[in-house]
Amino acid sequence: MLTGERIADVMEGRLEAVVVGTSAGGIEALGVLLPALPATMPFPVVIVVHMPPRETSPIVDIFKSRCAIDVREPVDKEPVAGGIAWFAPPNYHLLIESDRTFALSIDAPLNYSRPSIDALFESAAPVYGRALVAIVLTGANQDGANGAAAVRDAGGVVIVQDPATAEMALMPRAAVARARPHATGTLQEIAAVLRAAAIARHR
């Protein structure tokens, strides 16, 4: 079981939102995390996966049939509702506003990426503070490291996939070096923590 500073807080359900960032190998990694979440999960999971610019993405369809929770792409100004895995639409930064609604941005790419993990994490950090969990998974660049540090600085919890278990270790290694995560672990361990948190919050 994943252990570490403040992980007990997470498992006792003291969170209001989860943000996740991943790149190369991310579909497979999310295939472990998202199906573990129960249909009664009360908090949102907001996800950035690096993908090529395109009008539509197959990612929602990939996960809809594999998950007990709902899976969607948000529209601009839509409330950040719980019980849903929200995926950033292709070629848009996905931000969370102070009123807990989504904003879609076409600002310049960050770390060569739009959507950017840093953009999501940095926007969510002041909104949720200590009630936010940020998770950095497999990937081939350093996007997410600065955003994870912003989440930690705001009092949130940072969990990073153990780089030794990642398909592409560069992204989790950068997050470990920059953000000093509260815990690292395998995909299965991270999934177990999120599931426990979802069950605890639903009680």
Protein backbone atom coordinates (compact mmCIF):
# COMPACT_ATOMS: atom_id res chain seq x y z
CA MET A 1 0.00 0.00 0.00
CA LEU A 2 1.23 3.48 -0.84
CA THR A 3 2.33 5.32 2.29
CA GLY A 4 3.88 8.67 3.02
CA GLU A 5 3.34 12.15 4.35
CA ARG A 6 -0.36 13.15 4.21
CA ILE A 7 -1.42 9.98 2.38
CA ALA A 8 -3.50 9.05 5.43
CA ASP A 9 -5.40 12.32 4.90
CA VAL A 10 -6.13 11.30 1.32
CA MET A 11 -7.29 7.81 2.23
CA GLU A 12 -9.61 9.21 4.89
CA GLY A 13 -11.39 11.15 2.16
CA ARG A 14 -10.13 14.63 2.93
CA LEU A 15 -10.02 15.78 -0.66
CA GLU A 16 -12.27 17.59 -3.09
CA ALA A 17 -10.55 17.11 -6.45
CA VAL A 18 -7.83 15.12 -8.19
CA VAL A 19 -5.75 16.37 -11.13
CA VAL A 20 -3.70 13.97 -13.23
CA GLY A 21 -1.05 14.56 -15.87
CA THR A 22 0.55 12.09 -18.24
CA SER A 23 2.04 11.77 -21.70
CA ALA A 24 3.76 8.83 -23.40
CA GLY A 25 2.36 5.61 -21.97
CA GLY A 26 -0.50 7.49 -20.37
CA ILE A 27 -3.41 5.61 -21.91
CA GLU A 28 -2.10 2.35 -20.50
CA ALA A 29 -1.41 3.96 -17.11
CA LEU A 30 -4.89 5.46 -16.90
CA GLY A 31 -6.24 2.05 -17.83
CA VAL A 32 -5.07 0.93 -14.40
CA LEU A 33 -6.18 4.00 -12.42
CA LEU A 34 -9.60 4.93 -13.78
CA PRO A 35 -11.33 1.52 -13.79
CA ALA A 36 -10.46 1.20 -10.08
CA LEU A 37 -12.68 4.16 -9.17
CA PRO A 38 -16.17 3.29 -7.89
CA ALA A 39 -19.36 4.69 -9.40
CA THR A 40 -20.03 6.43 -6.06
CA MET A 41 -16.85 8.53 -6.29
CA PRO A 42 -17.89 12.03 -5.13
CA PHE A 43 -14.96 14.10 -6.39
CA PRO A 44 -13.84 15.04 -9.92
CA VAL A 45 -10.73 13.63 -11.58
CA VAL A 46 -9.41 16.12 -14.13
CA ILE A 47 -6.88 14.74 -16.59
CA VAL A 48 -4.43 16.12 -19.12
CA VAL A 49 -2.97 13.65 -21.62
CA HIS A 50 -0.57 15.04 -24.19
CA MET A 51 -1.97 14.35 -27.64
CA PRO A 52 -1.53 15.65 -31.19
CA PRO A 53 -3.71 18.63 -32.18
CA ARG A 54 -6.92 17.38 -33.75
CA GLU A 55 -10.60 18.24 -33.84
CA THR A 56 -11.70 15.23 -31.83
CA SER A 57 -10.04 12.67 -29.59
CA PRO A 58 -10.94 9.01 -29.10
CA ILE A 59 -9.89 9.08 -25.46
CA VAL A 60 -13.37 9.51 -23.95
CA ASP A 61 -14.70 6.59 -26.00
CA ILE A 62 -11.71 4.48 -24.97
CA PHE A 63 -12.51 4.84 -21.28
CA LYS A 64 -16.31 5.09 -21.22
CA SER A 65 -16.79 1.35 -21.53
CA ARG A 66 -14.01 0.56 -19.05
CA CYS A 67 -15.01 2.78 -16.13
CA ALA A 68 -17.78 2.78 -13.53
CA ILE A 69 -17.58 6.59 -13.36
CA ASP A 70 -18.70 8.92 -16.13
CA VAL A 71 -16.06 10.10 -18.61
CA ARG A 72 -16.35 13.41 -20.45
CA GLU A 73 -14.64 16.37 -22.07
CA PRO A 74 -15.78 19.65 -20.48
CA VAL A 75 -17.04 22.71 -22.30
CA ASP A 76 -16.04 26.24 -21.38
CA LYS A 77 -17.67 27.51 -18.14
CA GLU A 78 -19.04 24.07 -17.23
CA PRO A 79 -19.03 23.35 -13.46
CA VAL A 80 -16.37 20.94 -12.21
CA ALA A 81 -18.81 18.26 -11.09
CA GLY A 82 -17.80 15.23 -9.03
CA GLY A 83 -18.07 11.59 -9.99
CA ILE A 84 -16.60 12.26 -13.43
CA ALA A 85 -13.25 11.78 -15.15
CA TRP A 86 -12.80 14.98 -17.15
CA PHE A 87 -10.31 14.89 -20.05
CA ALA A 88 -8.80 18.05 -21.50
CA PRO A 89 -10.00 18.48 -25.09
CA PRO A 90 -7.31 18.29 -27.77
CA ASN A 91 -5.42 21.53 -28.49
CA TYR A 92 -6.88 23.41 -25.49
CA HIS A 93 -5.38 24.17 -22.12
CA LEU A 94 -7.87 23.08 -19.46
CA LEU A 95 -8.04 25.42 -16.46
CA ILE A 96 -10.12 25.51 -13.28
CA GLU A 97 -11.49 28.92 -12.32
CA SER A 98 -11.99 30.26 -8.78
CA ASP A 99 -15.73 29.54 -9.01
CA ARG A 100 -14.91 25.88 -9.78
CA THR A 101 -15.86 26.01 -13.42
CA PHE A 102 -13.71 24.97 -16.37
CA ALA A 103 -12.05 27.37 -18.75
CA LEU A 104 -10.67 26.34 -22.13
CA SER A 105 -7.70 28.35 -23.37
CA ILE A 106 -5.85 28.58 -26.66
CA ASP A 107 -2.88 30.38 -25.13
CA ALA A 108 0.53 29.33 -26.42
CA PRO A 109 1.75 25.81 -25.63
CA LEU A 110 3.67 25.27 -22.38
CA ASN A 111 6.52 22.76 -22.46
CA TYR A 112 5.62 22.33 -26.14
CA SER A 113 2.20 21.06 -25.08
CA ARG A 114 -1.40 22.20 -25.35
CA PRO A 115 -3.08 20.95 -23.25
CA SER A 116 -0.44 21.51 -20.59
CA ILE A 117 -0.28 19.66 -17.29
CA ASP A 118 1.38 22.65 -15.61
CA ALA A 119 -1.48 24.91 -16.73
CA LEU A 120 -4.11 22.63 -15.18
CA PHE A 121 -2.23 22.01 -11.94
CA GLU A 122 -1.30 25.68 -11.43
CA SER A 123 -4.90 26.79 -11.96
CA ALA A 124 -6.33 24.15 -9.61
CA ALA A 125 -3.83 24.68 -6.77
CA PRO A 126 -5.25 27.95 -5.35
CA VAL A 127 -8.85 26.81 -5.89
CA TYR A 128 -8.66 23.60 -3.84
CA GLY A 129 -5.59 24.12 -1.64
CA ARG A 130 -5.14 21.28 0.87
CA ALA A 131 -8.13 19.45 -0.60
CA LEU A 132 -6.34 18.80 -3.93
CA VAL A 133 -4.37 15.73 -4.99
CA ALA A 134 -2.05 16.03 -8.00
CA ILE A 135 -0.76 12.89 -9.70
CA VAL A 136 2.05 12.77 -12.27
CA LEU A 137 2.37 9.61 -14.34
CA THR A 138 4.55 8.32 -17.17
CA GLY A 139 5.70 10.79 -19.81
CA ALA A 140 8.58 11.93 -21.97
CA ASN A 141 9.01 15.59 -21.00
CA GLN A 142 9.04 17.77 -17.87
CA ASP A 143 5.49 19.11 -18.07
CA GLY A 144 3.77 18.77 -14.70
CA ALA A 145 6.84 19.30 -12.51
CA ASN A 146 6.23 23.00 -11.92
CA GLY A 147 2.50 22.44 -11.57
CA ALA A 148 3.02 19.71 -8.99
CA ALA A 149 5.28 22.07 -7.04
CA ALA A 150 2.49 24.69 -7.13
CA VAL A 151 0.05 22.15 -5.72
CA ARG A 152 2.45 21.26 -2.90
CA ASP A 153 3.08 24.96 -2.16
CA ALA A 154 -0.69 25.50 -1.90
CA GLY A 155 -0.96 22.70 0.67
CA GLY A 156 -2.16 19.95 -1.64
CA VAL A 157 -0.88 16.40 -1.90
CA VAL A 158 1.48 15.33 -4.69
CA ILE A 159 1.78 11.69 -5.73
CA VAL A 160 4.13 10.59 -8.52
CA GLN A 161 4.37 7.26 -10.25
CA ASP A 162 7.60 5.54 -9.27
CA PRO A 163 9.87 6.36 -12.22
CA ALA A 164 11.25 2.83 -12.14
CA THR A 165 7.78 1.52 -13.02
CA ALA A 166 6.90 4.12 -15.67
CA GLU A 167 6.94 3.37 -19.38
CA MET A 168 8.66 6.75 -19.84
CA ALA A 169 10.48 7.90 -16.71
CA LEU A 170 11.41 11.50 -17.63
CA MET A 171 8.13 13.10 -16.52
CA PRO A 172 7.90 11.40 -13.10
CA ARG A 173 11.62 11.95 -12.50
CA ALA A 174 11.22 15.68 -13.17
CA ALA A 175 8.23 15.84 -10.83
CA VAL A 176 10.15 14.04 -8.08
CA ALA A 177 13.09 16.43 -8.43
CA ARG A 178 11.03 19.63 -8.63
CA ALA A 179 8.00 18.97 -6.44
CA ARG A 180 9.27 16.68 -3.65
CA PRO A 181 6.16 14.51 -3.77
CA HIS A 182 4.49 13.28 -0.62
CA ALA A 183 4.64 9.75 -2.02
CA THR A 184 5.64 7.69 -5.04
CA GLY A 185 4.26 4.31 -5.99
CA THR A 186 3.16 1.88 -8.64
CA LEU A 187 0.02 2.45 -10.67
CA GLN A 188 -1.73 -0.24 -8.64
CA GLU A 189 -0.80 1.46 -5.36
CA ILE A 190 -1.96 4.86 -6.58
CA ALA A 191 -5.22 3.35 -7.82
CA ALA A 192 -5.78 1.74 -4.41
CA VAL A 193 -5.30 5.07 -2.63
CA LEU A 194 -7.78 6.84 -4.91
CA ARG A 195 -10.31 4.06 -4.52
CA ALA A 196 -9.98 4.18 -0.72
CA ALA A 197 -10.41 7.95 -0.79
CA ALA A 198 -13.51 7.69 -2.96
CA ILE A 199 -15.07 5.11 -0.67
CA ALA A 200 -14.24 7.16 2.44
CA ARG A 201 -15.74 10.32 1.00
CA HIS A 202 -18.94 8.48 0.06
CA ARG A 203 -19.59 7.20 3.59
